[in-house]
Protein backbone atom coordinates (compact mmCIF):
# COMPACT_ATOMS: atom_id res chain seq x y z
CA MET A 1 -27.72 76.88 184.72
CA LYS A 2 -30.24 74.11 185.40
CA LYS A 3 -33.49 74.02 183.48
CA ARG A 4 -36.42 74.26 185.88
CA ILE A 5 -39.22 71.82 184.98
CA GLY A 6 -42.33 72.70 186.95
CA ILE A 7 -44.96 70.05 187.63
CA LEU A 8 -48.28 71.66 188.54
CA VAL A 9 -49.91 69.69 191.38
CA PHE A 10 -53.34 70.28 192.88
CA ASP A 11 -56.00 68.63 195.00
CA GLU A 12 -57.49 65.60 193.21
CA VAL A 13 -54.63 65.32 190.70
CA ASP A 14 -54.30 61.76 189.41
CA GLU A 15 -51.27 60.64 191.32
CA ILE A 16 -49.87 58.49 188.52
CA ASP A 17 -50.02 61.47 186.14
CA PHE A 18 -47.52 63.51 188.11
CA ILE A 19 -45.54 60.80 189.91
CA GLY A 20 -44.55 59.07 186.67
CA VAL A 21 -43.18 62.31 185.22
CA TYR A 22 -41.53 63.26 188.49
CA GLU A 23 -39.80 59.87 188.79
CA VAL A 24 -38.33 60.12 185.27
CA LEU A 25 -37.12 63.67 185.89
CA GLN A 26 -35.70 62.93 189.33
CA LYS A 27 -33.69 60.04 187.92
CA ALA A 28 -32.41 62.33 185.15
CA ALA A 29 -31.49 64.98 187.72
CA GLN A 30 -29.16 62.39 189.34
CA PHE A 31 -27.31 61.85 186.08
CA PRO A 32 -23.78 63.31 186.36
CA GLY A 33 -23.76 66.77 184.77
CA SER A 34 -27.55 66.89 184.54
CA GLU A 35 -28.98 70.25 183.68
CA ILE A 36 -32.60 69.72 184.85
CA SER A 37 -34.36 70.34 188.11
CA PRO A 38 -37.95 69.07 188.55
CA ILE A 39 -40.10 71.06 190.93
CA LEU A 40 -43.60 70.30 192.29
CA ILE A 41 -45.57 73.56 192.12
CA GLY A 42 -48.90 74.02 193.88
CA LEU A 43 -51.43 76.53 195.16
CA ARG A 44 -50.88 75.16 198.67
CA LYS A 45 -48.13 73.23 200.41
CA SER A 46 -50.25 70.24 201.51
CA LEU A 47 -52.32 68.51 198.83
CA ARG A 48 -54.43 65.32 198.45
CA GLY A 49 -54.45 63.32 195.21
CA ALA A 50 -57.53 61.73 193.57
CA ASN A 51 -56.82 58.41 195.29
CA GLY A 52 -56.05 59.88 198.70
CA LEU A 53 -52.26 60.29 198.61
CA VAL A 54 -51.28 63.25 200.78
CA PHE A 55 -48.17 65.05 199.53
CA SER A 56 -46.50 68.44 199.51
CA SER A 57 -45.65 70.87 196.79
CA GLU A 58 -42.14 72.31 196.84
CA LYS A 59 -42.89 75.75 195.48
CA ASP A 60 -45.79 78.15 195.13
CA VAL A 61 -47.50 78.65 191.78
CA ALA A 62 -45.75 82.03 191.48
CA ASP A 63 -42.65 80.01 190.61
CA ILE A 64 -44.21 79.15 187.26
CA LYS A 65 -42.64 82.48 186.17
CA GLU A 66 -39.22 80.91 186.72
CA CYS A 67 -39.88 77.64 184.86
CA ASP A 68 -38.40 76.62 181.51
CA ALA A 69 -41.17 74.07 181.04
CA LEU A 70 -44.43 73.18 182.78
CA VAL A 71 -46.10 69.78 183.17
CA ILE A 72 -49.87 69.75 183.68
CA PRO A 73 -51.09 66.34 184.87
CA GLY A 74 -54.73 65.26 184.74
CA GLY A 75 -57.31 64.45 187.37
CA LYS A 76 -60.70 65.66 188.57
CA GLY A 77 -59.12 68.67 190.24
CA ILE A 78 -57.98 70.17 186.92
CA HIS A 79 -61.46 71.58 186.33
CA SER A 80 -61.48 73.68 189.53
CA LEU A 81 -58.27 75.42 188.44
CA LYS A 82 -60.06 77.14 185.55
CA HIS A 83 -61.63 79.52 188.09
CA ASP A 84 -58.32 80.56 189.61
CA ASN A 85 -57.23 83.90 188.16
CA ILE A 86 -53.69 83.60 189.44
CA ILE A 87 -53.24 80.27 187.68
CA LYS A 88 -54.85 81.68 184.55
CA HIS A 89 -52.54 84.71 184.49
CA LEU A 90 -49.41 82.57 185.13
CA ILE A 91 -50.30 79.98 182.48
CA ILE A 92 -51.12 82.58 179.81
CA ASN A 93 -47.93 84.51 180.65
CA ALA A 94 -45.85 81.32 180.37
CA PHE A 95 -47.54 80.52 177.04
CA GLU A 96 -46.66 84.00 175.79
CA ARG A 97 -43.04 83.47 176.89
CA LYS A 98 -43.14 80.33 174.72
CA ILE A 99 -42.10 77.87 177.40
CA GLN A 100 -42.71 74.24 176.60
CA PHE A 101 -45.94 72.73 178.03
CA TYR A 102 -46.41 69.02 178.62
CA THR A 103 -49.86 67.62 179.51
CA VAL A 104 -50.92 64.20 180.66
CA CYS A 105 -54.46 62.93 179.91
CA SER A 106 -57.02 65.51 181.12
CA GLY A 107 -54.32 68.06 181.99
CA ILE A 108 -54.88 69.50 178.50
CA PHE A 109 -58.23 70.91 179.73
CA LEU A 110 -56.44 73.69 181.63
CA LEU A 111 -54.90 74.98 178.40
CA ALA A 112 -58.28 74.64 176.70
CA TYR A 113 -60.06 76.65 179.41
CA PHE A 114 -57.62 79.49 178.81
CA GLY A 115 -58.03 79.42 175.01
CA LEU A 116 -54.51 78.13 174.29
CA ILE A 117 -55.22 75.07 172.13
CA LEU A 118 -57.54 76.47 169.46
CA LYS A 119 -56.78 74.84 166.10
CA LYS A 120 -54.06 72.69 167.73
CA THR A 121 -53.62 68.95 167.60
CA VAL A 122 -53.62 67.44 171.10
CA CYS A 123 -54.22 64.26 173.11
CA VAL A 124 -56.62 63.71 175.98
CA HIS A 125 -57.82 60.80 178.08
CA HIS A 126 -59.93 58.60 175.78
CA ALA A 127 -63.09 59.10 177.89
CA LYS A 128 -62.79 62.92 177.73
CA THR A 129 -62.60 63.42 173.95
CA ASP A 130 -66.16 64.69 173.50
CA ASP A 131 -65.87 67.01 176.50
CA LEU A 132 -62.75 68.62 175.06
CA LEU A 133 -64.25 68.95 171.57
CA ASN A 134 -67.32 70.65 173.11
CA LEU A 135 -65.02 73.10 174.83
CA CYS A 136 -62.80 74.19 171.97
CA ASP A 137 -61.99 73.75 168.31
CA CYS A 138 -59.02 71.39 168.27
CA LEU A 139 -57.98 68.13 166.62
CA ILE A 140 -57.59 65.10 168.92
CA GLU A 141 -55.23 62.20 168.33
CA LYS A 142 -54.05 59.26 170.44
CA GLY A 143 -50.62 58.68 171.89
CA VAL A 144 -48.16 61.53 172.22
CA VAL A 145 -48.48 64.65 170.04
CA ARG A 146 -46.30 67.72 169.61
CA ASP A 147 -47.90 70.90 168.30
CA GLY A 148 -45.74 73.96 168.71
CA THR A 149 -44.88 74.46 172.38
CA ILE A 150 -47.44 71.88 173.57
CA VAL A 151 -46.73 68.17 173.98
CA SER A 152 -49.74 66.16 175.09
CA ALA A 153 -50.29 62.46 175.86
CA GLY A 154 -53.45 60.40 176.19
CA GLY A 155 -56.24 58.75 174.26
CA GLU A 156 -55.21 55.14 174.39
CA LYS A 157 -57.07 52.82 176.72
CA GLU A 158 -55.07 49.72 175.86
CA GLY A 159 -51.42 48.93 176.05
CA LYS A 160 -48.70 49.12 178.66
CA ASN A 161 -47.49 52.66 177.93
CA MET A 162 -48.00 54.95 180.87
CA LYS A 163 -48.57 58.46 179.53
CA SER A 164 -46.81 60.12 182.45
CA ILE A 165 -43.65 58.10 181.79
CA GLN A 166 -43.89 58.93 178.08
CA ILE A 167 -44.20 62.66 178.88
CA GLY A 168 -41.17 62.34 181.17
CA TYR A 169 -39.18 60.98 178.25
CA GLU A 170 -40.44 63.74 175.94
CA ILE A 171 -39.06 66.25 178.42
CA LEU A 172 -35.75 64.41 178.47
CA LYS A 173 -35.60 64.51 174.67
CA ASP A 174 -35.95 68.29 174.87
CA PHE A 175 -33.84 69.10 177.90
CA ALA A 176 -31.55 66.16 178.80
CA PRO A 177 -31.19 63.62 175.96
CA GLN A 178 -27.86 62.43 177.32
CA ALA A 179 -29.65 61.15 180.46
CA ILE A 180 -32.11 58.87 178.61
CA PRO A 181 -30.01 55.66 178.73
CA TYR A 182 -29.22 56.27 182.41
CA VAL A 183 -32.91 56.82 183.31
CA THR A 184 -34.02 53.79 181.29
CA GLU A 185 -31.53 51.59 183.12
CA ARG A 186 -32.41 53.02 186.55
CA LEU A 187 -36.17 52.56 186.01
CA GLU A 188 -35.59 49.13 184.45
CA LEU A 189 -37.83 50.05 181.54
CA GLY A 190 -37.91 47.67 178.63
CA CYS A 191 -36.89 44.72 180.81
CA ASN A 192 -38.82 41.45 180.53
């Protein structure tokens, strides 16, 4: 049975934060014998990203209940989700089921708003460190960090590493390691 990897999308999501992950996962889903299925999950069908891209979610947020993992990208819109009781219930329920969470940059705020990163080590966009520390008691590092069922990426303002691509690869390590060489070749990563 395929592993369902939900990517939570919302108005004012940073497009690169979800598209990078989605691209990695879609390429992996094309690998012969692949066992993963990426799904864009949203509160509404039609959404607009932070830079104006209009796109559609594939499934309603209720489908979070069916996911084996959930990606939470960043963007200004993440902060409005803290007021949504349906999202809160679904995220807390998924956390209690011990599914794997992956966050990109400010996506970690959603887990913080719901009290799920207390005493955890996480990453956040470098400009949001103080805001996150004011919100909850956690330790912040740069790069990609795993702490229990949470993998977060962010914190570096220099370098060529796109956090959404890195999170995509972290998901592959957990759910489809055999697809990594195929995806790397298809995306032409590491080429000069």
